[in-house]
Structures are given as C-alpha cells and as structure tokens.
C-alpha cells in the first residue's frame, strides 16, 4: 500500500487511483480532476469531485499534482483538512469506489461520501 510522504506531496494517489483518474480525464477530454470539500452530508463535509476542462476553473493557490497526461488539483480551502490523505480506488462487494484516508478525519458516514475532521 502507498503511504504518505510529506517531503514529496501534500496528498498521495495510489497507482489504482491514478489509473482511474487518468481514464476519467481522457474519456472526458479534460485537463484533470479536482477534489474539494463542501459543506453538507451526514458527517459535516462532503467530497466534491470536478472534471477540469478549463484552467479558468482553477485558482492559483490550489495544490496541483501533475501526471503525464493529466493533473490532480486540491482546492486551497480543503488543503488543511486533507493534508496527508491517501486516495485509492478500491473494490468491494457493492462495486468499485474511491477511498480517501485522511489522518485528520474524526468520523465518516457509511457511504464514504461524507466526513468530519478534528483540527
């Protein structure tokens, strides 16, 4: 399993996650994928994913993690909550899903789409 390395990145994507997002970006003729936290969900925050097709949608202070043919962005407001997170694509009994393992998460809902944090 991939582990977080603070000397190389704010956030880590496993090989499976990278392959998944590369396919999503290619299939949608996009520049990349963006993750941000929004208010809501049963645990307080919910993960929000964007397919980025225009650099005008990205703010200068957003963290970027470039790959060969696409880029992953994390919006600036979410960085303090998701620093040190590992993003993985997993398979379970109900199908495939994106798993975000955050060292600052204090609880999450059963569906994995909502989370709360302790800072």
PDB file of N, CA and C in Angstrom:
ATOM      1  N   UNK A   1       0.848  -1.189   0.000  1.00  0.00           N
ATOM      2  CA  UNK A   1       0.000   0.000   0.000  1.00  0.00           C
ATOM      3  C   UNK A   1       0.885   1.241   0.000  1.00  0.00           C
ATOM      4  N   UNK A   2       0.463   2.241  -0.760  1.00  0.00           N
ATOM      5  CA  UNK A   2       1.189   3.502  -0.785  1.00  0.00           C
ATOM      6  C   UNK A   2       1.018   4.217   0.541  1.00  0.00           C
ATOM      7  N   UNK A   3       2.063   4.911   0.972  1.00  0.00           N
ATOM      8  CA  UNK A   3       1.979   5.690   2.193  1.00  0.00           C
ATOM      9  C   UNK A   3       2.282   7.142   1.884  1.00  0.00           C
ATOM     10  N   UNK A   4       1.824   8.023   2.732  1.00  0.00           N
ATOM     11  CA  UNK A   4       2.017   9.449   2.545  1.00  0.00           C
ATOM     12  C   UNK A   4       3.456   9.831   2.848  1.00  0.00           C
ATOM     13  N   UNK A   5       4.044  10.632   1.974  1.00  0.00           N
ATOM     14  CA  UNK A   5       5.402  11.132   2.168  1.00  0.00           C
ATOM     15  C   UNK A   5       5.352  12.655   2.136  1.00  0.00           C
ATOM     16  N   UNK A   6       5.404  13.328   3.294  1.00  0.00           N
ATOM     17  CA  UNK A   6       5.252  14.778   3.340  1.00  0.00           C
ATOM     18  C   UNK A   6       6.373  15.532   2.634  1.00  0.00           C
ATOM     19  N   UNK A   7       7.471  14.877   2.325  1.00  0.00           N
ATOM     20  CA  UNK A   7       8.557  15.572   1.633  1.00  0.00           C
ATOM     21  C   UNK A   7       8.310  15.662   0.132  1.00  0.00           C
ATOM     22  N   UNK A   8       7.368  14.877  -0.377  1.00  0.00           N
ATOM     23  CA  UNK A   8       7.130  14.887  -1.822  1.00  0.00           C
ATOM     24  C   UNK A   8       5.763  15.412  -2.223  1.00  0.00           C
ATOM     25  N   UNK A   9       4.785  15.372  -1.352  1.00  0.00           N
ATOM     26  CA  UNK A   9       3.453  15.770  -1.770  1.00  0.00           C
ATOM     27  C   UNK A   9       2.546  16.081  -0.577  1.00  0.00           C
ATOM     28  N   UNK A  10       1.560  16.934  -0.820  1.00  0.00           N
ATOM     29  CA  UNK A  10       0.539  17.254   0.167  1.00  0.00           C
ATOM     30  C   UNK A  10      -0.447  16.102   0.306  1.00  0.00           C
ATOM     31  N   UNK A  11      -0.647  15.376  -0.786  1.00  0.00           N
ATOM     32  CA  UNK A  11      -1.629  14.296  -0.835  1.00  0.00           C
ATOM     33  C   UNK A  11      -1.064  13.201  -1.738  1.00  0.00           C
ATOM     34  N   UNK A  12      -1.459  11.960  -1.506  1.00  0.00           N
ATOM     35  CA  UNK A  12      -0.935  10.843  -2.281  1.00  0.00           C
ATOM     36  C   UNK A  12      -2.071  10.133  -2.999  1.00  0.00           C
ATOM     37  N   UNK A  13      -1.860   9.811  -4.267  1.00  0.00           N
ATOM     38  CA  UNK A  13      -2.787   8.996  -5.040  1.00  0.00           C
ATOM     39  C   UNK A  13      -2.111   7.665  -5.324  1.00  0.00           C
ATOM     40  N   UNK A  14      -2.775   6.567  -5.007  1.00  0.00           N
ATOM     41  CA  UNK A  14      -2.214   5.251  -5.298  1.00  0.00           C
ATOM     42  C   UNK A  14      -2.188   5.041  -6.809  1.00  0.00           C
ATOM     43  N   UNK A  15      -1.476   4.026  -7.237  1.00  0.00           N
ATOM     44  CA  UNK A  15      -1.414   3.711  -8.665  1.00  0.00           C
ATOM     45  C   UNK A  15      -2.806   3.451  -9.235  1.00  0.00           C
ATOM     46  N   UNK A  16      -3.648   2.737  -8.482  1.00  0.00           N
ATOM     47  CA  UNK A  16      -5.008   2.442  -8.961  1.00  0.00           C
ATOM     48  C   UNK A  16      -5.828   3.719  -9.109  1.00  0.00           C
ATOM     49  N   UNK A  17      -5.684   4.644  -8.168  1.00  0.00           N
ATOM     50  CA  UNK A  17      -6.397   5.925  -8.263  1.00  0.00           C
ATOM     51  C   UNK A  17      -5.884   6.721  -9.449  1.00  0.00           C
ATOM     52  N   UNK A  18      -4.583   6.741  -9.653  1.00  0.00           N
ATOM     53  CA  UNK A  18      -4.012   7.465 -10.783  1.00  0.00           C
ATOM     54  C   UNK A  18      -4.539   6.916 -12.107  1.00  0.00           C
ATOM     55  N   UNK A  19      -4.583   5.603 -12.241  1.00  0.00           N
ATOM     56  CA  UNK A  19      -5.098   4.975 -13.464  1.00  0.00           C
ATOM     57  C   UNK A  19      -6.562   5.345 -13.690  1.00  0.00           C
ATOM     58  N   UNK A  20      -7.343   5.314 -12.627  1.00  0.00           N
ATOM     59  CA  UNK A  20      -8.763   5.650 -12.731  1.00  0.00           C
ATOM     60  C   UNK A  20      -8.966   7.097 -13.181  1.00  0.00           C
ATOM     61  N   UNK A  21      -8.287   8.034 -12.506  1.00  0.00           N
ATOM     62  CA  UNK A  21      -8.461   9.442 -12.843  1.00  0.00           C
ATOM     63  C   UNK A  21      -7.898   9.778 -14.224  1.00  0.00           C
ATOM     64  N   UNK A  22      -6.826   9.101 -14.637  1.00  0.00           N
ATOM     65  CA  UNK A  22      -6.289   9.305 -15.985  1.00  0.00           C
ATOM     66  C   UNK A  22      -7.330   8.910 -17.027  1.00  0.00           C
ATOM     67  N   UNK A  23      -8.023   7.794 -16.788  1.00  0.00           N
ATOM     68  CA  UNK A  23      -9.064   7.349 -17.718  1.00  0.00           C
ATOM     69  C   UNK A  23     -10.234   8.329 -17.729  1.00  0.00           C
ATOM     70  N   UNK A  24     -10.651   8.794 -16.554  1.00  0.00           N
ATOM     71  CA  UNK A  24     -11.747   9.766 -16.480  1.00  0.00           C
ATOM     72  C   UNK A  24     -11.379  11.042 -17.251  1.00  0.00           C
ATOM     73  N   UNK A  25     -10.153  11.531 -17.041  1.00  0.00           N
ATOM     74  CA  UNK A  25      -9.709  12.745 -17.726  1.00  0.00           C
ATOM     75  C   UNK A  25      -9.675  12.529 -19.236  1.00  0.00           C
ATOM     76  N   UNK A  26      -9.127  11.423 -19.670  1.00  0.00           N
ATOM     77  CA  UNK A  26      -9.040  11.128 -21.104  1.00  0.00           C
ATOM     78  C   UNK A  26     -10.427  10.973 -21.714  1.00  0.00           C
ATOM     79  N   UNK A  27     -11.292  10.194 -21.063  1.00  0.00           N
ATOM     80  CA  UNK A  27     -12.639   9.959 -21.583  1.00  0.00           C
ATOM     81  C   UNK A  27     -13.448  11.249 -21.698  1.00  0.00           C
ATOM     82  N   UNK A  28     -13.141  12.238 -20.861  1.00  0.00           N
ATOM     83  CA  UNK A  28     -13.883  13.497 -20.855  1.00  0.00           C
ATOM     84  C   UNK A  28     -13.121  14.641 -21.516  1.00  0.00           C
ATOM     85  N   UNK A  29     -12.002  14.297 -22.174  1.00  0.00           N
ATOM     86  CA  UNK A  29     -11.157  15.303 -22.828  1.00  0.00           C
ATOM     87  C   UNK A  29     -10.870  16.461 -21.871  1.00  0.00           C
ATOM     88  N   UNK A  30     -10.474  16.105 -20.665  1.00  0.00           N
ATOM     89  CA  UNK A  30     -10.263  17.077 -19.589  1.00  0.00           C
ATOM     90  C   UNK A  30      -8.781  17.257 -19.295  1.00  0.00           C
ATOM     91  N   UNK A  31      -8.481  18.362 -18.623  1.00  0.00           N
ATOM     92  CA  UNK A  31      -7.122  18.638 -18.175  1.00  0.00           C
ATOM     93  C   UNK A  31      -6.782  17.839 -16.926  1.00  0.00           C
ATOM     94  N   UNK A  32      -7.808  17.498 -16.157  1.00  0.00           N
ATOM     95  CA  UNK A  32      -7.575  16.737 -14.939  1.00  0.00           C
ATOM     96  C   UNK A  32      -8.783  16.682 -14.037  1.00  0.00           C
ATOM     97  N   UNK A  33      -8.514  16.356 -12.792  1.00  0.00           N
ATOM     98  CA  UNK A  33      -9.536  16.130 -11.772  1.00  0.00           C
ATOM     99  C   UNK A  33      -9.247  17.040 -10.583  1.00  0.00           C
ATOM    100  N   UNK A  34     -10.311  17.566  -9.990  1.00  0.00           N
ATOM    101  CA  UNK A  34     -10.173  18.450  -8.829  1.00  0.00           C
ATOM    102  C   UNK A  34     -11.022  17.898  -7.685  1.00  0.00           C
ATOM    103  N   UNK A  35     -10.444  17.907  -6.488  1.00  0.00           N
ATOM    104  CA  UNK A  35     -11.151  17.499  -5.272  1.00  0.00           C
ATOM    105  C   UNK A  35     -11.294  18.706  -4.368  1.00  0.00           C
ATOM    106  N   UNK A  36     -12.472  18.841  -3.781  1.00  0.00           N
ATOM    107  CA  UNK A  36     -12.694  19.894  -2.790  1.00  0.00           C
ATOM    108  C   UNK A  36     -13.707  19.383  -1.784  1.00  0.00           C
ATOM    109  N   UNK A  37     -13.725  20.016  -0.629  1.00  0.00           N
ATOM    110  CA  UNK A  37     -14.714  19.703   0.399  1.00  0.00           C
ATOM    111  C   UNK A  37     -15.812  20.745   0.344  1.00  0.00           C
ATOM    112  N   UNK A  38     -17.029  20.289   0.448  1.00  0.00           N
ATOM    113  CA  UNK A  38     -18.172  21.190   0.533  1.00  0.00           C
ATOM    114  C   UNK A  38     -18.900  20.924   1.832  1.00  0.00           C
ATOM    115  N   UNK A  39     -19.655  21.892   2.282  1.00  0.00           N
ATOM    116  CA  UNK A  39     -20.462  21.701   3.480  1.00  0.00           C
ATOM    117  C   UNK A  39     -21.628  20.780   3.184  1.00  0.00           C
ATOM    118  N   UNK A  40     -21.970  19.965   4.153  1.00  0.00           N
ATOM    119  CA  UNK A  40     -23.124  19.092   3.981  1.00  0.00           C
ATOM    120  C   UNK A  40     -22.782  17.648   4.245  1.00  0.00           C
ATOM    121  N   UNK A  41     -23.680  16.804   3.857  1.00  0.00           N
ATOM    122  CA  UNK A  41     -23.510  15.385   4.127  1.00  0.00           C
ATOM    123  C   UNK A  41     -23.844  15.090   5.579  1.00  0.00           C
ATOM    124  N   UNK A  42     -23.988  13.838   5.901  1.00  0.00           N
ATOM    125  CA  UNK A  42     -24.391  13.471   7.255  1.00  0.00           C
ATOM    126  C   UNK A  42     -23.274  13.645   8.280  1.00  0.00           C
ATOM    127  N   UNK A  43     -22.011  13.822   7.826  1.00  0.00           N
ATOM    128  CA  UNK A  43     -20.907  13.971   8.775  1.00  0.00           C
ATOM    129  C   UNK A  43     -20.347  15.393   8.822  1.00  0.00           C
ATOM    130  N   UNK A  44     -20.895  16.307   8.049  1.00  0.00           N
ATOM    131  CA  UNK A  44     -20.456  17.705   8.117  1.00  0.00           C
ATOM    132  C   UNK A  44     -19.827  18.244   6.851  1.00  0.00           C
ATOM    133  N   UNK A  45     -18.942  17.486   6.234  1.00  0.00           N
ATOM    134  CA  UNK A  45     -18.327  17.849   4.958  1.00  0.00           C
ATOM    135  C   UNK A  45     -18.599  16.726   3.969  1.00  0.00           C
ATOM    136  N   UNK A  46     -18.659  17.075   2.701  1.00  0.00           N
ATOM    137  CA  UNK A  46     -18.771  16.041   1.688  1.00  0.00           C
ATOM    138  C   UNK A  46     -17.720  16.270   0.611  1.00  0.00           C
ATOM    139  N   UNK A  47     -17.233  15.179   0.048  1.00  0.00           N
ATOM    140  CA  UNK A  47     -16.250  15.255  -1.020  1.00  0.00           C
ATOM    141  C   UNK A  47     -16.953  15.677  -2.302  1.00  0.00           C
ATOM    142  N   UNK A  48     -16.354  16.614  -3.012  1.00  0.00           N
ATOM    143  CA  UNK A  48     -16.895  17.067  -4.291  1.00  0.00           C
ATOM    144  C   UNK A  48     -15.805  16.946  -5.340  1.00  0.00           C
ATOM    145  N   UNK A  49     -16.121  16.245  -6.405  1.00  0.00           N
ATOM    146  CA  UNK A  49     -15.179  15.992  -7.494  1.00  0.00           C
ATOM    147  C   UNK A  49     -15.580  16.809  -8.710  1.00  0.00           C
ATOM    148  N   UNK A  50     -14.599  17.392  -9.374  1.00  0.00           N
ATOM    149  CA  UNK A  50     -14.843  18.145 -10.600  1.00  0.00           C
ATOM    150  C   UNK A  50     -13.940  17.607 -11.700  1.00  0.00           C
ATOM    151  N   UNK A  51     -14.473  17.557 -12.896  1.00  0.00           N
ATOM    152  CA  UNK A  51     -13.677  17.283 -14.085  1.00  0.00           C
ATOM    153  C   UNK A  51     -13.282  18.644 -14.629  1.00  0.00           C
ATOM    154  N   UNK A  52     -11.985  18.919 -14.696  1.00  0.00           N
ATOM    155  CA  UNK A  52     -11.477  20.237 -15.081  1.00  0.00           C
ATOM    156  C   UNK A  52     -11.188  20.250 -16.576  1.00  0.00           C
ATOM    157  N   UNK A  53     -11.919  21.098 -17.288  1.00  0.00           N
ATOM    158  CA  UNK A  53     -11.714  21.239 -18.724  1.00  0.00           C
ATOM    159  C   UNK A  53     -11.112  22.582 -19.086  1.00  0.00           C
ATOM    160  N   UNK A  54     -11.114  23.516 -18.145  1.00  0.00           N
ATOM    161  CA  UNK A  54     -10.650  24.882 -18.411  1.00  0.00           C
ATOM    162  C   UNK A  54      -9.817  25.364 -17.226  1.00  0.00           C
ATOM    163  N   UNK A  55      -8.617  25.852 -17.505  1.00  0.00           N
ATOM    164  CA  UNK A  55      -7.746  26.340 -16.429  1.00  0.00           C
ATOM    165  C   UNK A  55      -8.357  27.529 -15.692  1.00  0.00           C
ATOM    166  N   UNK A  56      -9.327  28.199 -16.281  1.00  0.00           N
ATOM    167  CA  UNK A  56     -10.020  29.294 -15.610  1.00  0.00           C
ATOM    168  C   UNK A  56     -10.782  28.837 -14.379  1.00  0.00           C
ATOM    169  N   UNK A  57     -11.032  27.534 -14.270  1.00  0.00           N
ATOM    170  CA  UNK A  57     -11.733  26.983 -13.103  1.00  0.00           C
ATOM    171  C   UNK A  57     -10.802  26.759 -11.916  1.00  0.00           C
ATOM    172  N   UNK A  58      -9.497  26.890 -12.126  1.00  0.00           N
ATOM    173  CA  UNK A  58      -8.502  26.618 -11.089  1.00  0.00           C
ATOM    174  C   UNK A  58      -7.948  27.934 -10.553  1.00  0.00           C
ATOM    175  N   UNK A  59      -7.848  28.016  -9.229  1.00  0.00           N
ATOM    176  CA  UNK A  59      -7.268  29.204  -8.591  1.00  0.00           C
ATOM    177  C   UNK A  59      -5.767  28.987  -8.404  1.00  0.00           C
ATOM    178  N   UNK A  60      -4.998  30.057  -8.417  1.00  0.00           N
ATOM    179  CA  UNK A  60      -3.539  29.964  -8.332  1.00  0.00           C
ATOM    180  C   UNK A  60      -3.053  29.252  -7.084  1.00  0.00           C
ATOM    181  N   UNK A  61      -3.738  29.407  -5.954  1.00  0.00           N
ATOM    182  CA  UNK A  61      -3.260  28.828  -4.702  1.00  0.00           C
ATOM    183  C   UNK A  61      -3.645  27.357  -4.536  1.00  0.00           C
ATOM    184  N   UNK A  62      -4.305  26.778  -5.509  1.00  0.00           N
ATOM    185  CA  UNK A  62      -4.668  25.374  -5.401  1.00  0.00           C
ATOM    186  C   UNK A  62      -3.440  24.491  -5.578  1.00  0.00           C
ATOM    187  N   UNK A  63      -3.397  23.445  -4.791  1.00  0.00           N
ATOM    188  CA  UNK A  63      -2.325  22.462  -4.893  1.00  0.00           C
ATOM    189  C   UNK A  63      -2.528  21.673  -6.182  1.00  0.00           C
ATOM    190  N   UNK A  64      -1.450  21.457  -6.914  1.00  0.00           N
ATOM    191  CA  UNK A  64      -1.550  20.639  -8.126  1.00  0.00           C
ATOM    192  C   UNK A  64      -0.520  19.524  -8.076  1.00  0.00           C
ATOM    193  N   UNK A  65      -0.922  18.391  -8.575  1.00  0.00           N
ATOM    194  CA  UNK A  65      -0.064  17.219  -8.653  1.00  0.00           C
ATOM    195  C   UNK A  65      -0.113  16.748 -10.105  1.00  0.00           C
ATOM    196  N   UNK A  66       0.890  17.160 -10.916  1.00  0.00           N
ATOM    197  CA  UNK A  66       0.849  16.819 -12.345  1.00  0.00           C
ATOM    198  C   UNK A  66       1.302  15.387 -12.623  1.00  0.00           C
ATOM    199  N   UNK A  67       0.598  14.761 -13.532  1.00  0.00           N
ATOM    200  CA  UNK A  67       0.971  13.450 -14.046  1.00  0.00           C
ATOM    201  C   UNK A  67       1.236  13.624 -15.540  1.00  0.00           C
ATOM    202  N   UNK A  68       1.589  12.572 -16.224  1.00  0.00           N
ATOM    203  CA  UNK A  68       1.999  12.685 -17.620  1.00  0.00           C
ATOM    204  C   UNK A  68       0.949  13.364 -18.502  1.00  0.00           C
ATOM    205  N   UNK A  69      -0.293  12.927 -18.417  1.00  0.00           N
ATOM    206  CA  UNK A  69      -1.303  13.460 -19.337  1.00  0.00           C
ATOM    207  C   UNK A  69      -2.480  14.132 -18.637  1.00  0.00           C
ATOM    208  N   UNK A  70      -2.389  14.316 -17.350  1.00  0.00           N
ATOM    209  CA  UNK A  70      -3.482  14.947 -16.610  1.00  0.00           C
ATOM    210  C   UNK A  70      -2.926  15.493 -15.304  1.00  0.00           C
ATOM    211  N   UNK A  71      -3.747  16.290 -14.594  1.00  0.00           N
ATOM    212  CA  UNK A  71      -3.327  16.891 -13.326  1.00  0.00           C
ATOM    213  C   UNK A  71      -4.415  16.688 -12.279  1.00  0.00           C
ATOM    214  N   UNK A  72      -3.982  16.478 -11.045  1.00  0.00           N
ATOM    215  CA  UNK A  72      -4.893  16.420  -9.905  1.00  0.00           C
ATOM    216  C   UNK A  72      -4.776  17.747  -9.160  1.00  0.00           C
ATOM    217  N   UNK A  73      -5.913  18.373  -8.844  1.00  0.00           N
ATOM    218  CA  UNK A  73      -5.919  19.610  -8.065  1.00  0.00           C
ATOM    219  C   UNK A  73      -6.687  19.409  -6.777  1.00  0.00           C
ATOM    220  N   UNK A  74      -6.232  20.093  -5.727  1.00  0.00           N
ATOM    221  CA  UNK A  74      -6.910  20.128  -4.433  1.00  0.00           C
ATOM    222  C   UNK A  74      -7.102  21.593  -4.083  1.00  0.00           C
ATOM    223  N   UNK A  75      -8.353  22.004  -3.895  1.00  0.00           N
ATOM    224  CA  UNK A  75      -8.587  23.436  -3.677  1.00  0.00           C
ATOM    225  C   UNK A  75      -7.990  23.896  -2.349  1.00  0.00           C
ATOM    226  N   UNK A  76      -7.697  25.179  -2.281  1.00  0.00           N
ATOM    227  CA  UNK A  76      -6.945  25.728  -1.150  1.00  0.00           C
ATOM    228  C   UNK A  76      -7.672  25.589   0.178  1.00  0.00           C
ATOM    229  N   UNK A  77      -8.988  25.739   0.193  1.00  0.00           N
ATOM    230  CA  UNK A  77      -9.734  25.645   1.449  1.00  0.00           C
ATOM    231  C   UNK A  77      -9.739  24.220   2.010  1.00  0.00           C
ATOM    232  N   UNK A  78      -9.551  23.240   1.165  1.00  0.00           N
ATOM    233  CA  UNK A  78      -9.582  21.836   1.597  1.00  0.00           C
ATOM    234  C   UNK A  78      -8.228  21.312   2.043  1.00  0.00           C
ATOM    235  N   UNK A  79      -7.164  22.036   1.722  1.00  0.00           N
ATOM    236  CA  UNK A  79      -5.815  21.544   1.990  1.00  0.00           C
ATOM    237  C   UNK A  79      -5.562  21.272   3.470  1.00  0.00           C
ATOM    238  N   UNK A  80      -6.023  22.163   4.352  1.00  0.00           N
ATOM    239  CA  UNK A  80      -5.766  21.961   5.779  1.00  0.00           C
ATOM    240  C   UNK A  80      -6.460  20.719   6.323  1.00  0.00           C
ATOM    241  N   UNK A  81      -7.562  20.313   5.707  1.00  0.00           N
ATOM    242  CA  UNK A  81      -8.300  19.140   6.162  1.00  0.00           C
ATOM    243  C   UNK A  81      -7.772  17.843   5.546  1.00  0.00           C
ATOM    244  N   UNK A  82      -7.312  17.920   4.310  1.00  0.00           N
ATOM    245  CA  UNK A  82      -6.936  16.711   3.581  1.00  0.00           C
ATOM    246  C   UNK A  82      -5.430  16.487   3.474  1.00  0.00           C
ATOM    247  N   UNK A  83      -4.625  17.344   4.099  1.00  0.00           N
ATOM    248  CA  UNK A  83      -3.172  17.146   4.086  1.00  0.00           C
ATOM    249  C   UNK A  83      -2.829  15.777   4.666  1.00  0.00           C
ATOM    250  N   UNK A  84      -1.996  15.052   3.968  1.00  0.00           N
ATOM    251  CA  UNK A  84      -1.588  13.726   4.425  1.00  0.00           C
ATOM    252  C   UNK A  84      -2.517  12.608   4.003  1.00  0.00           C
ATOM    253  N   UNK A  85      -3.555  12.940   3.246  1.00  0.00           N
ATOM    254  CA  UNK A  85      -4.517  11.922   2.819  1.00  0.00           C
ATOM    255  C   UNK A  85      -3.952  11.029   1.725  1.00  0.00           C
ATOM    256  N   UNK A  86      -4.464   9.825   1.685  1.00  0.00           N
ATOM    257  CA  UNK A  86      -4.147   8.882   0.619  1.00  0.00           C
ATOM    258  C   UNK A  86      -5.448   8.558  -0.101  1.00  0.00           C
ATOM    259  N   UNK A  87      -5.450   8.750  -1.413  1.00  0.00           N
ATOM    260  CA  UNK A  87      -6.626   8.472  -2.234  1.00  0.00           C
ATOM    261  C   UNK A  87      -6.368   7.178  -2.993  1.00  0.00           C
ATOM    262  N   UNK A  88      -7.322   6.259  -2.897  1.00  0.00           N
ATOM    263  CA  UNK A  88      -7.171   4.946  -3.515  1.00  0.00           C
ATOM    264  C   UNK A  88      -8.469   4.562  -4.213  1.00  0.00           C
ATOM    265  N   UNK A  89      -8.362   3.718  -5.206  1.00  0.00           N
ATOM    266  CA  UNK A  89      -9.543   3.112  -5.837  1.00  0.00           C
ATOM    267  C   UNK A  89      -9.610   1.687  -5.332  1.00  0.00           C
ATOM    268  N   UNK A  90     -10.735   1.338  -4.760  1.00  0.00           N
ATOM    269  CA  UNK A  90     -10.893   0.012  -4.163  1.00  0.00           C
ATOM    270  C   UNK A  90     -12.111  -0.685  -4.757  1.00  0.00           C
ATOM    271  N   UNK A  91     -12.171  -1.982  -4.529  1.00  0.00           N
ATOM    272  CA  UNK A  91     -13.326  -2.773  -4.951  1.00  0.00           C
ATOM    273  C   UNK A  91     -13.912  -3.438  -3.720  1.00  0.00           C
ATOM    274  N   UNK A  92     -15.227  -3.407  -3.635  1.00  0.00           N
ATOM    275  CA  UNK A  92     -15.921  -4.039  -2.532  1.00  0.00           C
ATOM    276  C   UNK A  92     -17.077  -4.857  -3.048  1.00  0.00           C
ATOM    277  N   UNK A  93     -17.869  -5.334  -2.144  1.00  0.00           N
ATOM    278  CA  UNK A  93     -18.994  -6.190  -2.511  1.00  0.00           C
ATOM    279  C   UNK A  93     -20.036  -5.448  -3.357  1.00  0.00           C
ATOM    280  N   UNK A  94     -20.104  -4.125  -3.192  1.00  0.00           N
ATOM    281  CA  UNK A  94     -21.083  -3.342  -3.957  1.00  0.00           C
ATOM    282  C   UNK A  94     -20.475  -2.677  -5.186  1.00  0.00           C
ATOM    283  N   UNK A  95     -19.202  -2.939  -5.465  1.00  0.00           N
ATOM    284  CA  UNK A  95     -18.556  -2.376  -6.648  1.00  0.00           C
ATOM    285  C   UNK A  95     -17.324  -1.578  -6.294  1.00  0.00           C
ATOM    286  N   UNK A  96     -16.830  -0.834  -7.272  1.00  0.00           N
ATOM    287  CA  UNK A  96     -15.626  -0.037  -7.085  1.00  0.00           C
ATOM    288  C   UNK A  96     -15.970   1.328  -6.510  1.00  0.00           C
ATOM    289  N   UNK A  97     -15.026   1.901  -5.770  1.00  0.00           N
ATOM    290  CA  UNK A  97     -15.251   3.205  -5.169  1.00  0.00           C
ATOM    291  C   UNK A  97     -13.917   3.879  -4.890  1.00  0.00           C
ATOM    292  N   UNK A  98     -13.955   5.206  -4.709  1.00  0.00           N
ATOM    293  CA  UNK A  98     -12.780   5.975  -4.346  1.00  0.00           C
ATOM    294  C   UNK A  98     -12.762   6.094  -2.826  1.00  0.00           C
ATOM    295  N   UNK A  99     -11.639   5.711  -2.233  1.00  0.00           N
ATOM    296  CA  UNK A  99     -11.467   5.764  -0.781  1.00  0.00           C
ATOM    297  C   UNK A  99     -10.457   6.855  -0.448  1.00  0.00           C
ATOM    298  N   UNK A 100     -10.837   7.759   0.450  1.00  0.00           N
ATOM    299  CA  UNK A 100      -9.933   8.809   0.905  1.00  0.00           C
ATOM    300  C   UNK A 100      -9.636   8.552   2.376  1.00  0.00           C
ATOM    301  N   UNK A 101      -8.394   8.257   2.650  1.00  0.00           N
ATOM    302  CA  UNK A 101      -7.951   8.009   4.015  1.00  0.00           C
ATOM    303  C   UNK A 101      -7.223   9.258   4.503  1.00  0.00           C
ATOM    304  N   UNK A 102      -7.871   9.990   5.418  1.00  0.00           N
ATOM    305  CA  UNK A 102      -7.307  11.236   5.922  1.00  0.00           C
ATOM    306  C   UNK A 102      -6.914  11.099   7.382  1.00  0.00           C
ATOM    307  N   UNK A 103      -5.681  11.467   7.731  1.00  0.00           N
ATOM    308  CA  UNK A 103      -5.263  11.360   9.123  1.00  0.00           C
ATOM    309  C   UNK A 103      -6.005  12.334  10.041  1.00  0.00           C
ATOM    310  N   UNK A 104      -6.664  13.344   9.486  1.00  0.00           N
ATOM    311  CA  UNK A 104      -7.390  14.328  10.298  1.00  0.00           C
ATOM    312  C   UNK A 104      -8.883  14.038  10.402  1.00  0.00           C
ATOM    313  N   UNK A 105      -9.358  13.023   9.702  1.00  0.00           N
ATOM    314  CA  UNK A 105     -10.783  12.680   9.749  1.00  0.00           C
ATOM    315  C   UNK A 105     -11.120  12.083  11.110  1.00  0.00           C
ATOM    316  N   UNK A 106     -12.166  12.601  11.733  1.00  0.00           N
ATOM    317  CA  UNK A 106     -12.583  12.071  13.031  1.00  0.00           C
ATOM    318  C   UNK A 106     -13.741  11.093  12.903  1.00  0.00           C
ATOM    319  N   UNK A 107     -14.518  11.208  11.823  1.00  0.00           N
ATOM    320  CA  UNK A 107     -15.596  10.259  11.557  1.00  0.00           C
ATOM    321  C   UNK A 107     -16.004  10.384  10.106  1.00  0.00           C
ATOM    322  N   UNK A 108     -16.680   9.360   9.624  1.00  0.00           N
ATOM    323  CA  UNK A 108     -17.169   9.356   8.252  1.00  0.00           C
ATOM    324  C   UNK A 108     -18.496   8.614   8.230  1.00  0.00           C
ATOM    325  N   UNK A 109     -19.296   8.924   7.237  1.00  0.00           N
ATOM    326  CA  UNK A 109     -20.573   8.223   7.116  1.00  0.00           C
ATOM    327  C   UNK A 109     -20.335   6.863   6.451  1.00  0.00           C
ATOM    328  N   UNK A 110     -21.321   6.040   6.473  1.00  0.00           N
ATOM    329  CA  UNK A 110     -21.191   4.697   5.915  1.00  0.00           C
ATOM    330  C   UNK A 110     -20.984   4.656   4.420  1.00  0.00           C
ATOM    331  N   UNK A 111     -21.451   5.686   3.705  1.00  0.00           N
ATOM    332  CA  UNK A 111     -21.319   5.664   2.238  1.00  0.00           C
ATOM    333  C   UNK A 111     -19.944   6.149   1.779  1.00  0.00           C
ATOM    334  N   UNK A 112     -19.155   6.750   2.660  1.00  0.00           N
ATOM    335  CA  UNK A 112     -17.830   7.212   2.296  1.00  0.00           C
ATOM    336  C   UNK A 112     -17.793   8.549   1.568  1.00  0.00           C
ATOM    337  N   UNK A 113     -18.935   9.202   1.443  1.00  0.00           N
ATOM    338  CA  UNK A 113     -19.009  10.469   0.738  1.00  0.00           C
ATOM    339  C   UNK A 113     -18.997  11.673   1.677  1.00  0.00           C
ATOM    340  N   UNK A 114     -19.092  11.427   2.963  1.00  0.00           N
ATOM    341  CA  UNK A 114     -19.200  12.498   3.935  1.00  0.00           C
ATOM    342  C   UNK A 114     -18.232  12.220   5.087  1.00  0.00           C
ATOM    343  N   UNK A 115     -17.643  13.314   5.641  1.00  0.00           N
ATOM    344  CA  UNK A 115     -16.602  13.145   6.645  1.00  0.00           C
ATOM    345  C   UNK A 115     -16.599  14.345   7.589  1.00  0.00           C
ATOM    346  N   UNK A 116     -16.106  14.157   8.798  1.00  0.00           N
ATOM    347  CA  UNK A 116     -15.874  15.284   9.710  1.00  0.00           C
ATOM    348  C   UNK A 116     -14.416  15.217  10.141  1.00  0.00           C
ATOM    349  N   UNK A 117     -13.897  16.358  10.608  1.00  0.00           N
ATOM    350  CA  UNK A 117     -12.475  16.474  10.905  1.00  0.00           C
ATOM    351  C   UNK A 117     -12.230  17.045  12.290  1.00  0.00           C
ATOM    352  N   UNK A 118     -11.083  16.681  12.845  1.00  0.00           N
ATOM    353  CA  UNK A 118     -10.591  17.272  14.074  1.00  0.00           C
ATOM    354  C   UNK A 118      -9.286  17.979  13.727  1.00  0.00           C
ATOM    355  N   UNK A 119      -9.263  19.291  13.877  1.00  0.00           N
ATOM    356  CA  UNK A 119      -8.043  20.061  13.579  1.00  0.00           C
ATOM    357  C   UNK A 119      -7.396  20.518  14.856  1.00  0.00           C
TER     358      UNK A 119
END
